[in-house]
PDB file of all heavy atoms in Angstrom:
ATOM      1  N   SER A   1       0.855  -1.197  -0.002  1.00  0.00           N
ATOM      2  CA  SER A   1      -0.003  -0.010   0.026  1.00  0.00           C
ATOM      3  C   SER A   1       0.864   1.227  -0.006  1.00  0.00           C
ATOM      4  O   SER A   1       2.106   1.194   0.314  1.00  0.00           O
ATOM      5  CB  SER A   1      -0.917   0.009   1.187  1.00  0.00           C
ATOM      6  OG  SER A   1      -0.198   0.138   2.405  1.00  0.00           O
ATOM      7  N   ASN A   2       0.261   2.307  -0.308  1.00  0.00           N
ATOM      8  CA  ASN A   2       0.960   3.643  -0.411  1.00  0.00           C
ATOM      9  C   ASN A   2       1.481   4.059   0.949  1.00  0.00           C
ATOM     10  O   ASN A   2       0.715   4.043   1.942  1.00  0.00           O
ATOM     11  CB  ASN A   2       0.018   4.699  -0.931  1.00  0.00           C
ATOM     12  CG  ASN A   2       0.635   5.729  -1.655  1.00  0.00           C
ATOM     13  OD1 ASN A   2       1.845   5.901  -1.711  1.00  0.00           O
ATOM     14  ND2 ASN A   2      -0.181   6.609  -2.381  1.00  0.00           N
ATOM     15  N   GLY A   3       2.735   4.338   1.002  1.00  0.00           N
ATOM     16  CA  GLY A   3       3.421   4.768   2.289  1.00  0.00           C
ATOM     17  C   GLY A   3       3.793   6.179   2.258  1.00  0.00           C
ATOM     18  O   GLY A   3       4.776   6.594   2.839  1.00  0.00           O
ATOM     19  N   ASN A   4       2.953   7.056   1.558  1.00  0.00           N
ATOM     20  CA  ASN A   4       3.381   8.458   1.494  1.00  0.00           C
ATOM     21  C   ASN A   4       3.527   9.124   2.842  1.00  0.00           C
ATOM     22  O   ASN A   4       4.192  10.230   2.908  1.00  0.00           O
ATOM     23  CB  ASN A   4       2.347   9.207   0.584  1.00  0.00           C
ATOM     24  CG  ASN A   4       2.488   8.871  -0.854  1.00  0.00           C
ATOM     25  OD1 ASN A   4       3.591   8.378  -1.275  1.00  0.00           O
ATOM     26  ND2 ASN A   4       1.488   9.086  -1.661  1.00  0.00           N
ATOM     27  N   TRP A   5       2.836   8.678   3.872  1.00  0.00           N
ATOM     28  CA  TRP A   5       3.006   9.260   5.169  1.00  0.00           C
ATOM     29  C   TRP A   5       4.460   9.145   5.679  1.00  0.00           C
ATOM     30  O   TRP A   5       4.808   9.871   6.558  1.00  0.00           O
ATOM     31  CB  TRP A   5       2.083   8.525   6.220  1.00  0.00           C
ATOM     32  CG  TRP A   5       2.299   7.019   6.226  1.00  0.00           C
ATOM     33  CD1 TRP A   5       1.680   6.070   5.516  1.00  0.00           C
ATOM     34  CD2 TRP A   5       3.233   6.333   6.985  1.00  0.00           C
ATOM     35  NE1 TRP A   5       2.108   4.811   5.736  1.00  0.00           N
ATOM     36  CE2 TRP A   5       3.108   4.958   6.743  1.00  0.00           C
ATOM     37  CE3 TRP A   5       4.224   6.705   7.967  1.00  0.00           C
ATOM     38  CZ2 TRP A   5       3.865   3.958   7.326  1.00  0.00           C
ATOM     39  CZ3 TRP A   5       5.021   5.762   8.523  1.00  0.00           C
ATOM     40  CH2 TRP A   5       4.829   4.344   8.264  1.00  0.00           C
ATOM     41  N   ALA A   6       5.271   8.333   5.006  1.00  0.00           N
ATOM     42  CA  ALA A   6       6.676   8.179   5.370  1.00  0.00           C
ATOM     43  C   ALA A   6       7.548   8.949   4.396  1.00  0.00           C
ATOM     44  O   ALA A   6       8.789   8.742   4.333  1.00  0.00           O
ATOM     45  CB  ALA A   6       7.026   6.706   5.401  1.00  0.00           C
ATOM     46  N   ASN A   7       6.989   9.939   3.696  1.00  0.00           N
ATOM     47  CA  ASN A   7       7.872  10.706   2.747  1.00  0.00           C
ATOM     48  C   ASN A   7       9.019  11.277   3.377  1.00  0.00           C
ATOM     49  O   ASN A   7       8.942  11.784   4.561  1.00  0.00           O
ATOM     50  CB  ASN A   7       7.013  11.798   2.107  1.00  0.00           C
ATOM     51  CG  ASN A   7       6.133  11.347   0.968  1.00  0.00           C
ATOM     52  OD1 ASN A   7       6.272  10.177   0.486  1.00  0.00           O
ATOM     53  ND2 ASN A   7       5.263  12.187   0.483  1.00  0.00           N
ATOM     54  N   GLY A   8      10.088  11.289   2.703  1.00  0.00           N
ATOM     55  CA  GLY A   8      11.317  11.937   3.255  1.00  0.00           C
ATOM     56  C   GLY A   8      12.566  10.976   2.972  1.00  0.00           C
ATOM     57  O   GLY A   8      12.406   9.783   2.776  1.00  0.00           O
ATOM     58  N   LEU A   9      13.676  11.649   2.966  1.00  0.00           N
ATOM     59  CA  LEU A   9      14.891  10.780   2.733  1.00  0.00           C
ATOM     60  C   LEU A   9      15.552  10.470   3.993  1.00  0.00           C
ATOM     61  O   LEU A   9      15.659  11.325   4.938  1.00  0.00           O
ATOM     62  CB  LEU A   9      15.855  11.654   1.827  1.00  0.00           C
ATOM     63  CG  LEU A   9      15.394  11.960   0.462  1.00  0.00           C
ATOM     64  CD1 LEU A   9      16.365  12.827  -0.252  1.00  0.00           C
ATOM     65  CD2 LEU A   9      15.233  10.684  -0.325  1.00  0.00           C
ATOM     66  N   VAL A  10      16.031   9.268   4.127  1.00  0.00           N
ATOM     67  CA  VAL A  10      16.841   8.858   5.269  1.00  0.00           C
ATOM     68  C   VAL A  10      18.280   9.242   5.035  1.00  0.00           C
ATOM     69  O   VAL A  10      18.893   9.852   5.906  1.00  0.00           O
ATOM     70  CB  VAL A  10      16.635   7.391   5.583  1.00  0.00           C
ATOM     71  CG1 VAL A  10      17.522   6.991   6.727  1.00  0.00           C
ATOM     72  CG2 VAL A  10      15.205   7.047   5.826  1.00  0.00           C
ATOM     73  N   GLU A  11      18.785   8.892   3.857  1.00  0.00           N
ATOM     74  CA  GLU A  11      20.209   9.158   3.573  1.00  0.00           C
ATOM     75  C   GLU A  11      20.421   9.051   2.113  1.00  0.00           C
ATOM     76  O   GLU A  11      19.914   8.074   1.500  1.00  0.00           O
ATOM     77  CB  GLU A  11      21.069   8.227   4.337  1.00  0.00           C
ATOM     78  CG  GLU A  11      22.555   8.406   4.199  1.00  0.00           C
ATOM     79  CD  GLU A  11      23.466   7.621   5.028  1.00  0.00           C
ATOM     80  OE1 GLU A  11      22.930   6.932   5.903  1.00  0.00           O
ATOM     81  OE2 GLU A  11      24.620   7.584   4.772  1.00  0.00           O
ATOM     82  N   VAL A  12      21.125   9.973   1.533  1.00  0.00           N
ATOM     83  CA  VAL A  12      21.568   9.794   0.141  1.00  0.00           C
ATOM     84  C   VAL A  12      23.089  10.241   0.078  1.00  0.00           C
ATOM     85  O   VAL A  12      23.427  11.338   0.636  1.00  0.00           O
ATOM     86  CB  VAL A  12      20.790  10.781  -0.784  1.00  0.00           C
ATOM     87  CG1 VAL A  12      21.304  10.840  -2.224  1.00  0.00           C
ATOM     88  CG2 VAL A  12      19.346  10.433  -0.758  1.00  0.00           C
ATOM     89  N   GLN A  13      23.819   9.441  -0.539  1.00  0.00           N
ATOM     90  CA  GLN A  13      25.268   9.780  -0.738  1.00  0.00           C
ATOM     91  C   GLN A  13      25.658   9.465  -2.130  1.00  0.00           C
ATOM     92  O   GLN A  13      25.271   8.471  -2.714  1.00  0.00           O
ATOM     93  CB  GLN A  13      26.126   8.944   0.194  1.00  0.00           C
ATOM     94  CG  GLN A  13      25.912   9.202   1.664  1.00  0.00           C
ATOM     95  CD  GLN A  13      26.758   8.336   2.565  1.00  0.00           C
ATOM     96  OE1 GLN A  13      27.613   7.532   2.136  1.00  0.00           O
ATOM     97  NE2 GLN A  13      26.579   8.529   3.847  1.00  0.00           N
ATOM     98  N   VAL A  14      26.419  10.364  -2.775  1.00  0.00           N
ATOM     99  CA  VAL A  14      27.018  10.233  -4.071  1.00  0.00           C
ATOM    100  C   VAL A  14      28.498  10.386  -4.019  1.00  0.00           C
ATOM    101  O   VAL A  14      28.944  11.368  -3.457  1.00  0.00           O
ATOM    102  CB  VAL A  14      26.393  11.292  -5.015  1.00  0.00           C
ATOM    103  CG1 VAL A  14      27.043  11.077  -6.467  1.00  0.00           C
ATOM    104  CG2 VAL A  14      24.890  11.147  -5.085  1.00  0.00           C
ATOM    105  N   TYR A  15      29.189   9.408  -4.429  1.00  0.00           N
ATOM    106  CA  TYR A  15      30.636   9.437  -4.500  1.00  0.00           C
ATOM    107  C   TYR A  15      31.173   9.557  -5.877  1.00  0.00           C
ATOM    108  O   TYR A  15      30.540   9.030  -6.806  1.00  0.00           O
ATOM    109  CB  TYR A  15      31.213   8.140  -3.839  1.00  0.00           C
ATOM    110  CG  TYR A  15      30.862   7.998  -2.418  1.00  0.00           C
ATOM    111  CD1 TYR A  15      29.691   7.159  -2.051  1.00  0.00           C
ATOM    112  CD2 TYR A  15      31.564   8.594  -1.418  1.00  0.00           C
ATOM    113  CE1 TYR A  15      29.344   6.987  -0.726  1.00  0.00           C
ATOM    114  CE2 TYR A  15      31.172   8.391  -0.071  1.00  0.00           C
ATOM    115  CZ  TYR A  15      30.089   7.626   0.194  1.00  0.00           C
ATOM    116  OH  TYR A  15      29.735   7.476   1.557  1.00  0.00           O
ATOM    117  N   ALA A  16      32.289  10.148  -6.034  1.00  0.00           N
ATOM    118  CA  ALA A  16      32.927  10.392  -7.408  1.00  0.00           C
ATOM    119  C   ALA A  16      34.388  10.439  -7.304  1.00  0.00           C
ATOM    120  O   ALA A  16      34.927  10.806  -6.214  1.00  0.00           O
ATOM    121  CB  ALA A  16      32.388  11.674  -8.002  1.00  0.00           C
ATOM    122  N   LYS A  17      35.073  10.034  -8.364  1.00  0.00           N
ATOM    123  CA  LYS A  17      36.484  10.184  -8.497  1.00  0.00           C
ATOM    124  C   LYS A  17      36.741  11.699  -8.715  1.00  0.00           C
ATOM    125  O   LYS A  17      35.985  12.347  -9.411  1.00  0.00           O
ATOM    126  CB  LYS A  17      37.018   9.393  -9.650  1.00  0.00           C
ATOM    127  CG  LYS A  17      36.982   7.918  -9.420  1.00  0.00           C
ATOM    128  CD  LYS A  17      37.553   7.169 -10.568  1.00  0.00           C
ATOM    129  CE  LYS A  17      37.517   5.670 -10.375  1.00  0.00           C
ATOM    130  NZ  LYS A  17      38.045   4.981 -11.540  1.00  0.00           N
ATOM    131  N   ASN A  18      37.863  12.142  -8.199  1.00  0.00           N
ATOM    132  CA  ASN A  18      38.234  13.553  -8.407  1.00  0.00           C
ATOM    133  C   ASN A  18      39.062  13.689  -9.728  1.00  0.00           C
ATOM    134  O   ASN A  18      40.182  13.210  -9.739  1.00  0.00           O
ATOM    135  CB  ASN A  18      39.015  14.039  -7.212  1.00  0.00           C
ATOM    136  CG  ASN A  18      39.331  15.486  -7.304  1.00  0.00           C
ATOM    137  OD1 ASN A  18      38.907  16.207  -8.238  1.00  0.00           O
ATOM    138  ND2 ASN A  18      40.081  16.074  -6.352  1.00  0.00           N
ATOM    139  N   ASP A  19      38.462  14.279 -10.638  1.00  0.00           N
ATOM    140  CA  ASP A  19      39.129  14.488 -11.952  1.00  0.00           C
ATOM    141  C   ASP A  19      39.667  15.901 -11.934  1.00  0.00           C
ATOM    142  O   ASP A  19      39.011  16.884 -12.265  1.00  0.00           O
ATOM    143  CB  ASP A  19      38.093  14.333 -13.108  1.00  0.00           C
ATOM    144  CG  ASP A  19      38.781  14.408 -14.482  1.00  0.00           C
ATOM    145  OD1 ASP A  19      40.031  14.765 -14.576  1.00  0.00           O
ATOM    146  OD2 ASP A  19      38.116  14.238 -15.499  1.00  0.00           O
ATOM    147  N   LYS A  20      40.955  16.052 -11.462  1.00  0.00           N
ATOM    148  CA  LYS A  20      41.530  17.348 -11.177  1.00  0.00           C
ATOM    149  C   LYS A  20      41.496  18.251 -12.405  1.00  0.00           C
ATOM    150  O   LYS A  20      41.468  19.507 -12.269  1.00  0.00           O
ATOM    151  CB  LYS A  20      42.924  17.236 -10.624  1.00  0.00           C
ATOM    152  CG  LYS A  20      42.858  16.639  -9.248  1.00  0.00           C
ATOM    153  CD  LYS A  20      44.272  16.522  -8.694  1.00  0.00           C
ATOM    154  CE  LYS A  20      44.211  15.839  -7.327  1.00  0.00           C
ATOM    155  NZ  LYS A  20      45.479  15.706  -6.669  1.00  0.00           N
ATOM    156  N   GLU A  21      41.538  17.756 -13.644  1.00  0.00           N
ATOM    157  CA  GLU A  21      41.532  18.611 -14.756  1.00  0.00           C
ATOM    158  C   GLU A  21      40.253  19.256 -15.064  1.00  0.00           C
ATOM    159  O   GLU A  21      40.096  20.286 -15.712  1.00  0.00           O
ATOM    160  CB  GLU A  21      41.913  17.780 -16.034  1.00  0.00           C
ATOM    161  CG  GLU A  21      43.330  17.190 -15.982  1.00  0.00           C
ATOM    162  CD  GLU A  21      43.668  16.319 -17.133  1.00  0.00           C
ATOM    163  OE1 GLU A  21      42.925  16.381 -18.104  1.00  0.00           O
ATOM    164  OE2 GLU A  21      44.716  15.639 -17.118  1.00  0.00           O
ATOM    165  N   ASN A  22      39.100  18.686 -14.518  1.00  0.00           N
ATOM    166  CA  ASN A  22      37.778  19.202 -14.828  1.00  0.00           C
ATOM    167  C   ASN A  22      37.030  19.731 -13.539  1.00  0.00           C
ATOM    168  O   ASN A  22      35.830  19.933 -13.645  1.00  0.00           O
ATOM    169  CB  ASN A  22      36.891  18.110 -15.487  1.00  0.00           C
ATOM    170  CG  ASN A  22      37.428  17.735 -16.841  1.00  0.00           C
ATOM    171  OD1 ASN A  22      37.919  18.593 -17.545  1.00  0.00           O
ATOM    172  ND2 ASN A  22      37.466  16.498 -17.167  1.00  0.00           N
ATOM    173  N   VAL A  23      37.696  19.888 -12.517  1.00  0.00           N
ATOM    174  CA  VAL A  23      37.042  20.375 -11.288  1.00  0.00           C
ATOM    175  C   VAL A  23      36.798  21.918 -11.337  1.00  0.00           C
ATOM    176  O   VAL A  23      37.727  22.613 -11.628  1.00  0.00           O
ATOM    177  CB  VAL A  23      37.891  20.029  -9.988  1.00  0.00           C
ATOM    178  CG1 VAL A  23      37.337  20.629  -8.769  1.00  0.00           C
ATOM    179  CG2 VAL A  23      37.969  18.547  -9.840  1.00  0.00           C
ATOM    180  N   THR A  24      35.571  22.271 -11.048  1.00  0.00           N
ATOM    181  CA  THR A  24      35.226  23.706 -10.924  1.00  0.00           C
ATOM    182  C   THR A  24      34.518  23.902  -9.659  1.00  0.00           C
ATOM    183  O   THR A  24      33.807  22.941  -9.182  1.00  0.00           O
ATOM    184  CB  THR A  24      34.423  24.171 -12.099  1.00  0.00           C
ATOM    185  OG1 THR A  24      33.217  23.422 -12.193  1.00  0.00           O
ATOM    186  CG2 THR A  24      35.151  24.116 -13.395  1.00  0.00           C
TER     187      THR A  24
END
């Protein structure tokens, strides 16, 4: 069933390699 009463993020993480030539 729909659990919209629980809307919200618990945790989001995004990891990336550091490309020093293209970092702004």
